[in-house]
């Protein structure tokens, strides 16, 4: 999503999303590596279309970091995808470069998150998702294939346990990257996704226009 997103990237559902989108543009999940010439060519263009970013990235990059964006954005590039990719990249970074044993750090500055981090376990604790509830794949090739939510928020595809919605989705599709919150529906016949449930949870935390910690 480009800095000048208003030119070609209408906000879903209408309304004024300027502050949210301006914050998301510079988050980790919206960033990748491009050549200068490719970046200049597609810059503020749309995501879809023959000359859109998706098609140009698909044809002109071999970098795994950017190919992940192509795979994840096959159906579009949204705020949910950006937020989810940011969370996954943070987890990967912390796994690759963990804090040394015995190290004691100090936070020099606090940066407000564009979106609060929410886990499936939070939705279970809030009663928005039930332990044992089935979720269903939304993509046409795998439509209706289920996973089950456990009491601790982990996901089961068959008898295999996964810690995140994305990991469970990848177990279904075999892809290197999947937007798990978008991928899983809460009703096999409907279109309500786990992303929608997450948004309900975030809104439930709003008190006087400010987010408070989940219980």
N, C-alpha and C. Protein backbone atom coordinates (compact mmCIF):
# COMPACT_ATOMS: atom_id res chain seq x y z
N UNK A 1 0.86 -1.18 0.00
CA UNK A 1 0.00 0.00 0.00
C UNK A 1 0.90 1.24 0.00
N UNK A 2 0.74 2.12 -0.97
CA UNK A 2 1.66 3.26 -1.11
C UNK A 2 1.31 4.42 -0.18
N UNK A 3 2.22 5.33 -0.05
CA UNK A 3 1.97 6.51 0.77
C UNK A 3 0.80 7.32 0.20
N UNK A 4 0.73 7.40 -1.12
CA UNK A 4 -0.38 8.12 -1.76
C UNK A 4 -1.50 7.14 -2.09
N UNK A 5 -1.96 6.40 -1.08
CA UNK A 5 -2.93 5.33 -1.30
C UNK A 5 -4.29 5.84 -1.78
N UNK A 6 -4.62 7.08 -1.48
CA UNK A 6 -5.94 7.59 -1.84
C UNK A 6 -6.15 7.68 -3.35
N UNK A 7 -5.07 7.64 -4.14
CA UNK A 7 -5.19 7.75 -5.59
C UNK A 7 -5.84 6.51 -6.21
N UNK A 8 -5.47 5.33 -5.70
CA UNK A 8 -5.92 4.09 -6.34
C UNK A 8 -6.36 3.00 -5.36
N UNK A 9 -6.42 3.33 -4.06
CA UNK A 9 -6.70 2.31 -3.06
C UNK A 9 -7.89 2.72 -2.19
N UNK A 10 -9.12 2.66 -2.72
CA UNK A 10 -10.28 3.04 -1.90
C UNK A 10 -10.39 2.17 -0.66
N UNK A 11 -10.79 2.78 0.44
CA UNK A 11 -10.91 2.05 1.70
C UNK A 11 -12.15 1.17 1.68
N UNK A 12 -12.00 -0.06 2.17
CA UNK A 12 -13.13 -0.97 2.25
C UNK A 12 -14.18 -0.41 3.21
N UNK A 13 -15.44 -0.47 2.79
CA UNK A 13 -16.52 -0.04 3.67
C UNK A 13 -16.71 1.45 3.71
N UNK A 14 -15.91 2.22 2.95
CA UNK A 14 -16.07 3.68 2.95
C UNK A 14 -15.60 4.29 4.26
N UNK A 15 -15.97 5.53 4.48
CA UNK A 15 -15.58 6.21 5.72
C UNK A 15 -14.17 6.76 5.62
N UNK A 16 -13.75 7.43 6.66
CA UNK A 16 -12.43 8.05 6.69
C UNK A 16 -11.45 7.12 7.39
N UNK A 17 -10.58 6.47 6.62
CA UNK A 17 -9.58 5.55 7.16
C UNK A 17 -8.20 6.16 7.08
N UNK A 18 -8.10 7.46 6.91
CA UNK A 18 -6.82 8.11 6.63
C UNK A 18 -5.79 7.83 7.71
N UNK A 19 -6.13 8.05 8.97
CA UNK A 19 -5.15 7.89 10.04
C UNK A 19 -4.67 6.45 10.13
N UNK A 20 -5.61 5.50 10.04
CA UNK A 20 -5.24 4.09 10.14
C UNK A 20 -4.33 3.68 8.99
N UNK A 21 -4.70 4.07 7.80
CA UNK A 21 -3.89 3.68 6.64
C UNK A 21 -2.54 4.38 6.63
N UNK A 22 -2.49 5.64 6.99
CA UNK A 22 -1.21 6.34 7.02
C UNK A 22 -0.26 5.66 8.01
N UNK A 23 -0.81 5.14 9.11
CA UNK A 23 0.03 4.44 10.09
C UNK A 23 0.49 3.08 9.55
N UNK A 24 -0.40 2.37 8.86
CA UNK A 24 -0.07 1.03 8.36
C UNK A 24 0.95 1.05 7.24
N UNK A 25 0.97 2.11 6.45
CA UNK A 25 1.85 2.16 5.29
C UNK A 25 3.31 1.93 5.67
N UNK A 26 3.73 2.46 6.80
CA UNK A 26 5.13 2.37 7.19
C UNK A 26 5.41 1.24 8.17
N UNK A 27 4.46 0.36 8.41
CA UNK A 27 4.71 -0.77 9.30
C UNK A 27 5.45 -1.87 8.55
N UNK A 28 6.07 -2.75 9.31
CA UNK A 28 6.95 -3.77 8.76
C UNK A 28 6.24 -4.66 7.73
N UNK A 29 4.98 -4.99 7.99
CA UNK A 29 4.27 -5.91 7.11
C UNK A 29 3.93 -5.33 5.75
N UNK A 30 4.08 -4.04 5.57
CA UNK A 30 3.80 -3.40 4.28
C UNK A 30 5.07 -3.11 3.48
N UNK A 31 6.21 -3.55 3.98
CA UNK A 31 7.49 -3.24 3.36
C UNK A 31 8.10 -4.47 2.72
N UNK A 32 8.77 -4.28 1.60
CA UNK A 32 9.51 -5.36 0.96
C UNK A 32 10.65 -4.75 0.15
N UNK A 33 11.41 -5.57 -0.56
CA UNK A 33 12.57 -5.11 -1.32
C UNK A 33 12.25 -5.13 -2.81
N UNK A 34 12.48 -3.99 -3.48
CA UNK A 34 12.30 -3.86 -4.92
C UNK A 34 13.49 -3.13 -5.51
N UNK A 35 13.72 -3.34 -6.80
CA UNK A 35 14.71 -2.51 -7.48
C UNK A 35 14.17 -1.09 -7.58
N UNK A 36 15.06 -0.13 -7.70
CA UNK A 36 14.62 1.26 -7.78
C UNK A 36 13.73 1.50 -8.99
N UNK A 37 14.08 0.86 -10.13
CA UNK A 37 13.29 1.08 -11.35
C UNK A 37 11.89 0.50 -11.22
N UNK A 38 11.77 -0.68 -10.63
CA UNK A 38 10.46 -1.29 -10.45
C UNK A 38 9.62 -0.49 -9.46
N UNK A 39 10.25 -0.06 -8.39
CA UNK A 39 9.53 0.73 -7.40
C UNK A 39 9.01 2.02 -8.01
N UNK A 40 9.82 2.67 -8.85
CA UNK A 40 9.39 3.92 -9.48
C UNK A 40 8.24 3.67 -10.46
N UNK A 41 8.28 2.52 -11.12
CA UNK A 41 7.27 2.23 -12.14
C UNK A 41 5.89 1.95 -11.53
N UNK A 42 5.86 1.25 -10.42
CA UNK A 42 4.55 0.85 -9.87
C UNK A 42 4.13 1.73 -8.69
N UNK A 43 5.07 2.40 -8.09
CA UNK A 43 4.91 3.36 -6.99
C UNK A 43 3.51 3.44 -6.39
N UNK A 44 2.70 4.42 -6.82
CA UNK A 44 1.38 4.66 -6.23
C UNK A 44 0.25 4.01 -7.02
N UNK A 45 0.59 3.06 -7.87
CA UNK A 45 -0.41 2.40 -8.71
C UNK A 45 -1.32 1.48 -7.92
N UNK A 46 -2.35 0.95 -8.58
CA UNK A 46 -3.30 0.03 -7.92
C UNK A 46 -2.65 -1.33 -7.69
N UNK A 47 -3.29 -2.15 -6.88
CA UNK A 47 -2.78 -3.50 -6.61
C UNK A 47 -3.12 -4.44 -7.76
N UNK A 48 -4.36 -4.43 -8.22
CA UNK A 48 -4.82 -5.34 -9.27
C UNK A 48 -4.71 -4.69 -10.65
N UNK A 49 -4.91 -5.51 -11.69
CA UNK A 49 -4.86 -5.01 -13.06
C UNK A 49 -3.60 -5.44 -13.79
N UNK A 50 -3.61 -5.35 -15.12
CA UNK A 50 -2.47 -5.80 -15.93
C UNK A 50 -1.18 -5.09 -15.58
N UNK A 51 -1.27 -3.81 -15.20
CA UNK A 51 -0.09 -3.03 -14.83
C UNK A 51 -0.05 -2.75 -13.33
N UNK A 52 -0.87 -3.48 -12.59
CA UNK A 52 -0.93 -3.28 -11.14
C UNK A 52 0.27 -3.85 -10.42
N UNK A 53 0.38 -3.53 -9.14
CA UNK A 53 1.54 -3.97 -8.36
C UNK A 53 1.63 -5.49 -8.28
N UNK A 54 0.48 -6.14 -8.08
CA UNK A 54 0.51 -7.60 -7.93
C UNK A 54 1.13 -8.27 -9.15
N UNK A 55 0.67 -7.91 -10.33
CA UNK A 55 1.16 -8.54 -11.55
C UNK A 55 2.63 -8.21 -11.79
N UNK A 56 3.03 -6.97 -11.54
CA UNK A 56 4.42 -6.57 -11.74
C UNK A 56 5.35 -7.28 -10.76
N UNK A 57 4.91 -7.42 -9.50
CA UNK A 57 5.72 -8.14 -8.52
C UNK A 57 5.82 -9.62 -8.89
N UNK A 58 4.71 -10.17 -9.33
CA UNK A 58 4.70 -11.59 -9.70
C UNK A 58 5.67 -11.88 -10.84
N UNK A 59 5.75 -10.97 -11.80
CA UNK A 59 6.58 -11.20 -12.99
C UNK A 59 8.04 -10.82 -12.78
N UNK A 60 8.33 -9.91 -11.87
CA UNK A 60 9.64 -9.28 -11.86
C UNK A 60 10.44 -9.45 -10.57
N UNK A 61 10.09 -10.40 -9.73
CA UNK A 61 10.89 -10.58 -8.53
C UNK A 61 11.12 -12.05 -8.25
N UNK A 62 12.31 -12.37 -7.76
CA UNK A 62 12.63 -13.72 -7.33
C UNK A 62 12.99 -13.76 -5.85
N UNK A 63 12.93 -12.61 -5.18
CA UNK A 63 13.26 -12.55 -3.77
C UNK A 63 12.16 -13.23 -2.95
N UNK A 64 12.55 -14.07 -2.01
CA UNK A 64 11.56 -14.78 -1.20
C UNK A 64 10.71 -13.80 -0.39
N UNK A 65 11.32 -12.72 0.08
CA UNK A 65 10.59 -11.74 0.89
C UNK A 65 9.44 -11.13 0.08
N UNK A 66 9.70 -10.81 -1.17
CA UNK A 66 8.66 -10.21 -2.02
C UNK A 66 7.71 -11.27 -2.55
N UNK A 67 8.21 -12.47 -2.84
CA UNK A 67 7.32 -13.53 -3.31
C UNK A 67 6.29 -13.87 -2.25
N UNK A 68 6.65 -13.73 -0.98
CA UNK A 68 5.67 -13.95 0.08
C UNK A 68 4.52 -12.95 -0.04
N UNK A 69 4.83 -11.71 -0.37
CA UNK A 69 3.79 -10.69 -0.55
C UNK A 69 2.88 -11.08 -1.71
N UNK A 70 3.45 -11.59 -2.79
CA UNK A 70 2.67 -12.01 -3.95
C UNK A 70 1.72 -13.14 -3.58
N UNK A 71 2.23 -14.13 -2.85
CA UNK A 71 1.39 -15.27 -2.45
C UNK A 71 0.29 -14.82 -1.50
N UNK A 72 0.65 -13.99 -0.55
CA UNK A 72 -0.32 -13.54 0.44
C UNK A 72 -1.38 -12.64 -0.20
N UNK A 73 -0.97 -11.85 -1.19
CA UNK A 73 -1.88 -10.87 -1.77
C UNK A 73 -2.57 -11.30 -3.04
N UNK A 74 -2.69 -12.61 -3.26
CA UNK A 74 -3.33 -13.10 -4.49
C UNK A 74 -4.76 -12.62 -4.62
N UNK A 75 -5.42 -12.37 -3.49
CA UNK A 75 -6.82 -11.93 -3.51
C UNK A 75 -6.97 -10.45 -3.17
N UNK A 76 -5.85 -9.74 -3.08
CA UNK A 76 -5.89 -8.32 -2.72
C UNK A 76 -4.88 -8.03 -1.62
N UNK A 77 -4.67 -6.76 -1.35
CA UNK A 77 -3.72 -6.37 -0.29
C UNK A 77 -4.45 -5.41 0.65
N UNK A 78 -4.73 -5.86 1.85
CA UNK A 78 -5.61 -5.14 2.75
C UNK A 78 -4.93 -4.79 4.06
N UNK A 79 -5.62 -3.99 4.88
CA UNK A 79 -5.12 -3.65 6.20
C UNK A 79 -4.88 -4.90 7.04
N UNK A 80 -5.78 -5.88 6.93
CA UNK A 80 -5.63 -7.11 7.71
C UNK A 80 -4.36 -7.85 7.33
N UNK A 81 -4.07 -7.93 6.02
CA UNK A 81 -2.87 -8.62 5.57
C UNK A 81 -1.62 -7.92 6.09
N UNK A 82 -1.63 -6.59 6.05
CA UNK A 82 -0.48 -5.83 6.53
C UNK A 82 -0.25 -6.07 8.02
N UNK A 83 -1.32 -5.98 8.81
CA UNK A 83 -1.20 -6.16 10.25
C UNK A 83 -0.74 -7.57 10.59
N UNK A 84 -1.30 -8.56 9.88
CA UNK A 84 -0.93 -9.95 10.16
C UNK A 84 0.51 -10.25 9.76
N UNK A 85 0.92 -9.74 8.61
CA UNK A 85 2.30 -9.96 8.18
C UNK A 85 3.28 -9.27 9.12
N UNK A 86 2.91 -8.11 9.63
CA UNK A 86 3.76 -7.42 10.61
C UNK A 86 3.97 -8.30 11.84
N UNK A 87 2.88 -8.86 12.36
CA UNK A 87 2.99 -9.71 13.55
C UNK A 87 3.87 -10.92 13.27
N UNK A 88 3.70 -11.54 12.10
CA UNK A 88 4.48 -12.74 11.78
C UNK A 88 5.95 -12.41 11.63
N UNK A 89 6.25 -11.28 10.99
CA UNK A 89 7.65 -10.89 10.81
C UNK A 89 8.31 -10.56 12.14
N UNK A 90 7.57 -9.93 13.03
CA UNK A 90 8.10 -9.65 14.37
C UNK A 90 8.43 -10.95 15.08
N UNK A 91 7.51 -11.93 15.00
CA UNK A 91 7.76 -13.23 15.63
C UNK A 91 9.00 -13.89 15.04
N UNK A 92 9.16 -13.82 13.70
CA UNK A 92 10.33 -14.42 13.05
C UNK A 92 11.61 -13.75 13.50
N UNK A 93 11.59 -12.42 13.58
CA UNK A 93 12.77 -11.68 14.00
C UNK A 93 13.17 -12.05 15.42
N UNK A 94 12.19 -12.14 16.31
CA UNK A 94 12.48 -12.49 17.70
C UNK A 94 12.99 -13.92 17.84
N UNK A 95 12.53 -14.80 16.94
CA UNK A 95 13.00 -16.19 16.97
C UNK A 95 14.43 -16.29 16.46
N UNK A 96 14.74 -15.52 15.40
CA UNK A 96 16.09 -15.57 14.82
C UNK A 96 17.11 -14.86 15.71
N UNK A 97 16.71 -13.71 16.27
CA UNK A 97 17.61 -12.94 17.13
C UNK A 97 17.01 -12.79 18.53
N UNK A 98 17.00 -13.86 19.31
CA UNK A 98 16.40 -13.78 20.65
C UNK A 98 17.25 -12.93 21.59
N UNK A 99 16.61 -12.45 22.62
CA UNK A 99 17.33 -11.69 23.65
C UNK A 99 18.31 -12.64 24.35
N UNK A 100 19.58 -12.25 24.48
CA UNK A 100 20.56 -13.13 25.14
C UNK A 100 20.15 -13.46 26.58
N UNK A 101 20.48 -14.68 27.00
CA UNK A 101 20.15 -15.11 28.37
C UNK A 101 20.79 -14.17 29.37
N UNK A 102 20.01 -13.74 30.34
CA UNK A 102 20.52 -12.86 31.38
C UNK A 102 20.53 -11.40 31.03
N UNK A 103 20.15 -11.07 29.79
CA UNK A 103 20.14 -9.67 29.38
C UNK A 103 18.95 -8.95 29.98
N UNK A 104 19.19 -7.76 30.47
CA UNK A 104 18.13 -6.93 31.01
C UNK A 104 18.07 -5.63 30.22
N UNK A 105 16.96 -5.43 29.49
CA UNK A 105 16.85 -4.26 28.64
C UNK A 105 15.95 -3.19 29.22
N UNK A 106 15.97 -2.05 28.59
CA UNK A 106 15.14 -0.94 29.01
C UNK A 106 14.52 -0.31 27.78
N UNK A 107 13.21 -0.09 27.81
CA UNK A 107 12.53 0.54 26.70
C UNK A 107 12.81 2.03 26.72
N UNK A 108 13.45 2.53 25.65
CA UNK A 108 13.81 3.94 25.60
C UNK A 108 12.64 4.80 25.14
N UNK A 109 11.77 4.23 24.33
CA UNK A 109 10.63 4.99 23.83
C UNK A 109 9.50 4.03 23.53
N UNK A 110 8.30 4.50 23.69
CA UNK A 110 7.13 3.68 23.44
C UNK A 110 6.52 4.08 22.10
N UNK A 111 6.31 3.09 21.22
CA UNK A 111 5.69 3.34 19.93
C UNK A 111 4.31 2.70 19.93
N UNK A 112 3.30 3.50 19.69
CA UNK A 112 1.94 2.99 19.68
C UNK A 112 1.73 2.10 18.46
N UNK A 113 1.16 0.93 18.67
CA UNK A 113 0.90 0.01 17.59
C UNK A 113 -0.26 0.51 16.75
N UNK A 114 -0.16 0.31 15.44
CA UNK A 114 -1.26 0.70 14.56
C UNK A 114 -2.51 -0.10 14.86
N UNK A 115 -2.33 -1.39 15.21
CA UNK A 115 -3.44 -2.23 15.63
C UNK A 115 -2.98 -3.05 16.82
N UNK A 116 -3.85 -3.28 17.80
CA UNK A 116 -3.44 -4.06 18.96
C UNK A 116 -3.25 -5.52 18.56
N UNK A 117 -2.33 -6.19 19.20
CA UNK A 117 -2.09 -7.60 18.90
C UNK A 117 -3.15 -8.45 19.57
N UNK A 118 -3.76 -9.31 18.80
CA UNK A 118 -4.83 -10.17 19.30
C UNK A 118 -4.49 -11.61 18.93
N UNK A 119 -4.63 -12.52 19.87
CA UNK A 119 -4.44 -13.94 19.63
C UNK A 119 -5.79 -14.64 19.64
N UNK A 120 -5.84 -15.83 19.06
CA UNK A 120 -7.08 -16.61 19.08
C UNK A 120 -7.49 -16.89 20.52
N UNK A 121 -6.52 -17.09 21.38
CA UNK A 121 -6.83 -17.35 22.79
C UNK A 121 -7.61 -16.19 23.42
N UNK A 122 -7.35 -14.96 22.98
CA UNK A 122 -8.09 -13.81 23.49
C UNK A 122 -9.56 -13.91 23.11
N UNK A 123 -9.82 -14.37 21.88
CA UNK A 123 -11.21 -14.49 21.42
C UNK A 123 -11.93 -15.60 22.15
N UNK A 124 -11.20 -16.68 22.47
CA UNK A 124 -11.78 -17.77 23.25
C UNK A 124 -12.11 -17.28 24.66
N UNK A 125 -11.18 -16.57 25.28
CA UNK A 125 -11.40 -16.05 26.64
C UNK A 125 -12.58 -15.08 26.69
N UNK A 126 -12.76 -14.33 25.60
CA UNK A 126 -13.85 -13.35 25.55
C UNK A 126 -15.19 -13.98 25.18
N UNK A 127 -15.19 -15.27 24.85
CA UNK A 127 -16.43 -15.95 24.49
C UNK A 127 -16.88 -15.71 23.06
N UNK A 128 -16.02 -15.09 22.24
CA UNK A 128 -16.37 -14.85 20.85
C UNK A 128 -16.16 -16.09 19.98
N UNK A 129 -15.25 -16.96 20.42
CA UNK A 129 -15.00 -18.24 19.78
C UNK A 129 -15.07 -19.32 20.86
N UNK A 130 -15.71 -20.44 20.57
CA UNK A 130 -15.88 -21.50 21.55
C UNK A 130 -14.78 -22.54 21.42
N UNK A 131 -14.27 -23.08 22.53
CA UNK A 131 -13.37 -24.24 22.43
C UNK A 131 -14.08 -25.38 21.71
N UNK A 132 -13.40 -25.99 20.77
CA UNK A 132 -13.99 -27.06 20.00
C UNK A 132 -14.72 -26.59 18.75
N UNK A 133 -14.86 -25.28 18.58
CA UNK A 133 -15.55 -24.75 17.41
C UNK A 133 -14.74 -25.01 16.15
N UNK A 134 -15.41 -25.30 15.06
CA UNK A 134 -14.76 -25.49 13.77
C UNK A 134 -14.68 -24.17 13.02
N UNK A 135 -13.58 -23.96 12.34
CA UNK A 135 -13.42 -22.87 11.38
C UNK A 135 -13.30 -23.49 10.00
N UNK A 136 -13.59 -22.71 8.96
CA UNK A 136 -13.68 -23.28 7.63
C UNK A 136 -12.89 -22.45 6.62
N UNK A 137 -12.14 -23.14 5.75
CA UNK A 137 -11.36 -22.46 4.72
C UNK A 137 -12.28 -21.74 3.75
N UNK A 138 -11.89 -20.53 3.35
CA UNK A 138 -12.73 -19.74 2.46
C UNK A 138 -12.29 -19.80 1.00
N UNK A 139 -11.02 -20.10 0.71
CA UNK A 139 -10.56 -20.08 -0.67
C UNK A 139 -11.23 -21.20 -1.46
N UNK A 140 -11.56 -20.93 -2.71
CA UNK A 140 -12.39 -21.83 -3.49
C UNK A 140 -11.81 -23.24 -3.60
N UNK A 141 -10.51 -23.33 -3.80
CA UNK A 141 -9.89 -24.64 -4.00
C UNK A 141 -9.97 -25.53 -2.77
N UNK A 142 -10.15 -24.92 -1.60
CA UNK A 142 -10.19 -25.68 -0.35
C UNK A 142 -11.42 -25.33 0.48
N UNK A 143 -12.42 -24.77 -0.17
CA UNK A 143 -13.60 -24.25 0.52
C UNK A 143 -14.22 -25.29 1.45
N UNK A 144 -14.40 -24.87 2.71
CA UNK A 144 -15.09 -25.71 3.68
C UNK A 144 -14.21 -26.65 4.46
N UNK A 145 -12.93 -26.79 4.10
CA UNK A 145 -12.06 -27.67 4.87
C UNK A 145 -11.89 -27.08 6.28
N UNK A 146 -12.02 -27.90 7.32
CA UNK A 146 -12.09 -27.36 8.68
C UNK A 146 -10.79 -27.42 9.46
N UNK A 147 -10.76 -26.61 10.49
CA UNK A 147 -9.83 -26.80 11.59
C UNK A 147 -10.62 -26.58 12.87
N UNK A 148 -10.12 -27.08 13.98
CA UNK A 148 -10.82 -26.93 15.26
C UNK A 148 -10.00 -26.07 16.22
N UNK A 149 -10.73 -25.25 16.97
CA UNK A 149 -10.10 -24.35 17.94
C UNK A 149 -10.06 -25.05 19.29
N UNK A 150 -8.90 -25.09 19.91
CA UNK A 150 -8.77 -25.70 21.23
C UNK A 150 -8.97 -24.65 22.32
N UNK A 151 -9.04 -25.10 23.54
CA UNK A 151 -9.31 -24.20 24.66
C UNK A 151 -8.22 -23.16 24.84
N UNK A 152 -6.97 -23.52 24.50
CA UNK A 152 -5.86 -22.57 24.67
C UNK A 152 -5.63 -21.71 23.43
N UNK A 153 -6.50 -21.82 22.41
CA UNK A 153 -6.38 -20.99 21.22
C UNK A 153 -5.56 -21.60 20.11
N UNK A 154 -4.99 -22.77 20.32
CA UNK A 154 -4.28 -23.44 19.23
C UNK A 154 -5.30 -24.06 18.28
N UNK A 155 -4.83 -24.43 17.09
CA UNK A 155 -5.71 -24.92 16.03
C UNK A 155 -5.31 -26.34 15.65
N UNK A 156 -6.30 -27.17 15.36
CA UNK A 156 -6.04 -28.54 14.94
C UNK A 156 -6.59 -28.78 13.54
N UNK A 157 -5.71 -29.22 12.65
CA UNK A 157 -6.12 -29.71 11.33
C UNK A 157 -5.92 -31.21 11.38
N UNK A 158 -7.01 -31.95 11.47
CA UNK A 158 -6.89 -33.37 11.76
C UNK A 158 -6.35 -33.52 13.17
N UNK A 159 -5.29 -34.30 13.32
CA UNK A 159 -4.69 -34.46 14.65
C UNK A 159 -3.41 -33.65 14.81
N UNK A 160 -3.14 -32.75 13.86
CA UNK A 160 -1.94 -31.92 13.94
C UNK A 160 -2.27 -30.57 14.57
N UNK A 161 -1.44 -30.17 15.53
CA UNK A 161 -1.65 -28.93 16.26
C UNK A 161 -0.83 -27.80 15.64
N UNK A 162 -1.45 -26.61 15.54
CA UNK A 162 -0.77 -25.42 15.01
C UNK A 162 -1.04 -24.25 15.96
N UNK A 163 -0.04 -23.39 16.09
CA UNK A 163 -0.15 -22.30 17.06
C UNK A 163 -0.82 -21.06 16.50
N UNK A 164 -0.88 -20.92 15.19
CA UNK A 164 -1.46 -19.72 14.59
C UNK A 164 -2.43 -20.09 13.48
N UNK A 165 -3.32 -19.15 13.17
CA UNK A 165 -4.25 -19.33 12.07
C UNK A 165 -3.52 -19.46 10.74
N UNK A 166 -2.45 -18.72 10.56
CA UNK A 166 -1.68 -18.79 9.32
C UNK A 166 -1.05 -20.17 9.14
N UNK A 167 -0.50 -20.72 10.22
CA UNK A 167 0.12 -22.04 10.14
C UNK A 167 -0.92 -23.10 9.80
N UNK A 168 -2.11 -23.00 10.40
CA UNK A 168 -3.18 -23.95 10.09
C UNK A 168 -3.64 -23.81 8.65
N UNK A 169 -3.70 -22.57 8.14
CA UNK A 169 -4.09 -22.34 6.75
C UNK A 169 -3.06 -22.93 5.79
N UNK A 170 -1.77 -22.75 6.11
CA UNK A 170 -0.73 -23.30 5.25
C UNK A 170 -0.77 -24.82 5.22
N UNK A 171 -1.19 -25.43 6.33
CA UNK A 171 -1.34 -26.88 6.36
C UNK A 171 -2.42 -27.35 5.40
N UNK A 172 -3.41 -26.50 5.17
CA UNK A 172 -4.49 -26.83 4.23
C UNK A 172 -4.05 -26.64 2.78
N UNK A 173 -3.40 -25.51 2.49
CA UNK A 173 -3.10 -25.15 1.10
C UNK A 173 -1.73 -25.60 0.63
N UNK A 174 -0.79 -25.77 1.56
CA UNK A 174 0.58 -26.09 1.18
C UNK A 174 1.38 -24.89 0.72
N UNK A 175 0.80 -23.70 0.82
CA UNK A 175 1.49 -22.48 0.40
C UNK A 175 2.53 -22.07 1.45
N UNK A 176 3.49 -21.24 1.01
CA UNK A 176 4.50 -20.76 1.94
C UNK A 176 3.95 -19.70 2.88
N UNK A 177 2.91 -19.01 2.45
CA UNK A 177 2.36 -17.93 3.25
C UNK A 177 0.85 -17.85 3.05
N UNK A 178 0.12 -17.65 4.15
CA UNK A 178 -1.32 -17.47 4.09
C UNK A 178 -1.74 -16.44 5.13
N UNK A 179 -2.74 -15.64 4.79
CA UNK A 179 -3.29 -14.67 5.73
C UNK A 179 -4.37 -15.37 6.56
N UNK A 180 -3.95 -15.92 7.68
CA UNK A 180 -4.82 -16.79 8.45
C UNK A 180 -6.11 -16.16 8.94
N UNK A 181 -6.05 -14.90 9.36
CA UNK A 181 -7.25 -14.24 9.88
C UNK A 181 -8.29 -14.06 8.77
N UNK A 182 -7.84 -13.81 7.57
CA UNK A 182 -8.73 -13.70 6.42
C UNK A 182 -9.18 -15.08 5.93
N UNK A 183 -8.28 -16.06 5.98
CA UNK A 183 -8.50 -17.38 5.40
C UNK A 183 -9.63 -18.15 6.07
N UNK A 184 -9.76 -18.04 7.40
CA UNK A 184 -10.69 -18.89 8.14
C UNK A 184 -12.02 -18.19 8.38
N UNK A 185 -13.10 -18.87 8.01
CA UNK A 185 -14.46 -18.41 8.26
C UNK A 185 -15.03 -19.12 9.49
N UNK A 186 -15.94 -18.46 10.18
CA UNK A 186 -16.54 -19.06 11.38
C UNK A 186 -17.80 -19.84 11.05
N UNK A 187 -18.24 -19.76 9.81
CA UNK A 187 -19.44 -20.48 9.36
C UNK A 187 -19.19 -20.99 7.95
N UNK A 188 -19.38 -22.28 7.73
CA UNK A 188 -19.08 -22.87 6.43
C UNK A 188 -19.93 -22.26 5.32
N UNK A 189 -21.11 -21.76 5.65
CA UNK A 189 -22.01 -21.22 4.64
C UNK A 189 -21.98 -19.69 4.57
N UNK A 190 -21.30 -19.04 5.48
CA UNK A 190 -21.29 -17.59 5.53
C UNK A 190 -20.00 -16.99 5.02
N UNK A 191 -19.80 -15.69 5.30
CA UNK A 191 -18.57 -15.02 4.88
C UNK A 191 -17.92 -14.25 6.02
N UNK A 192 -18.33 -14.54 7.25
CA UNK A 192 -17.73 -13.88 8.40
C UNK A 192 -16.41 -14.56 8.73
N UNK A 193 -15.34 -13.79 8.70
CA UNK A 193 -14.01 -14.36 8.90
C UNK A 193 -13.52 -14.12 10.33
N UNK A 194 -12.42 -14.78 10.64
CA UNK A 194 -11.80 -14.55 11.95
C UNK A 194 -11.31 -13.11 12.07
N UNK A 195 -10.99 -12.49 10.94
CA UNK A 195 -10.63 -11.07 10.96
C UNK A 195 -11.80 -10.22 11.47
N UNK A 196 -13.01 -10.56 11.07
CA UNK A 196 -14.20 -9.85 11.55
C UNK A 196 -14.38 -10.04 13.04
N UNK A 197 -14.14 -11.27 13.51
CA UNK A 197 -14.27 -11.54 14.95
C UNK A 197 -13.21 -10.78 15.72
N UNK A 198 -12.00 -10.73 15.17
CA UNK A 198 -10.92 -9.97 15.82
C UNK A 198 -11.31 -8.50 15.94
N UNK A 199 -11.92 -7.94 14.89
CA UNK A 199 -12.34 -6.54 14.92
C UNK A 199 -13.40 -6.32 15.98
N UNK A 200 -14.33 -7.26 16.13
CA UNK A 200 -15.34 -7.16 17.19
C UNK A 200 -14.67 -7.11 18.56
N UNK A 201 -13.65 -7.95 18.73
CA UNK A 201 -12.94 -7.97 20.01
C UNK A 201 -12.24 -6.65 20.27
N UNK A 202 -11.55 -6.12 19.24
CA UNK A 202 -10.85 -4.84 19.41
C UNK A 202 -11.83 -3.74 19.78
N UNK A 203 -12.97 -3.71 19.11
CA UNK A 203 -13.97 -2.69 19.40
C UNK A 203 -14.54 -2.84 20.80
N UNK A 204 -14.60 -4.08 21.29
CA UNK A 204 -15.12 -4.31 22.64
C UNK A 204 -14.17 -3.79 23.70
N UNK A 205 -12.89 -3.60 23.33
CA UNK A 205 -11.91 -3.08 24.28
C UNK A 205 -11.90 -1.56 24.35
N UNK A 206 -12.61 -0.93 23.42
CA UNK A 206 -12.59 0.53 23.34
C UNK A 206 -13.43 1.12 24.47
N UNK A 207 -12.81 1.95 25.25
CA UNK A 207 -13.50 2.64 26.34
C UNK A 207 -13.21 4.13 26.21
N UNK A 208 -14.24 4.89 25.91
CA UNK A 208 -14.05 6.33 25.72
C UNK A 208 -13.10 6.65 24.59
N UNK A 209 -13.09 5.77 23.55
CA UNK A 209 -12.25 6.03 22.38
C UNK A 209 -10.83 5.56 22.53
N UNK A 210 -10.45 4.95 23.69
CA UNK A 210 -9.11 4.47 23.89
C UNK A 210 -9.14 2.99 24.17
N UNK A 211 -8.11 2.28 23.67
CA UNK A 211 -8.02 0.86 23.90
C UNK A 211 -7.43 0.58 25.26
N UNK A 212 -8.01 -0.39 25.95
CA UNK A 212 -7.50 -0.80 27.25
C UNK A 212 -7.01 -2.23 27.12
N UNK A 213 -6.22 -2.68 28.09
CA UNK A 213 -5.70 -4.05 28.05
C UNK A 213 -6.83 -5.04 28.18
N UNK A 214 -6.69 -6.15 27.42
CA UNK A 214 -7.68 -7.20 27.54
C UNK A 214 -7.55 -7.87 28.90
N UNK A 215 -8.66 -8.37 29.46
CA UNK A 215 -8.57 -9.03 30.77
C UNK A 215 -7.78 -10.33 30.65
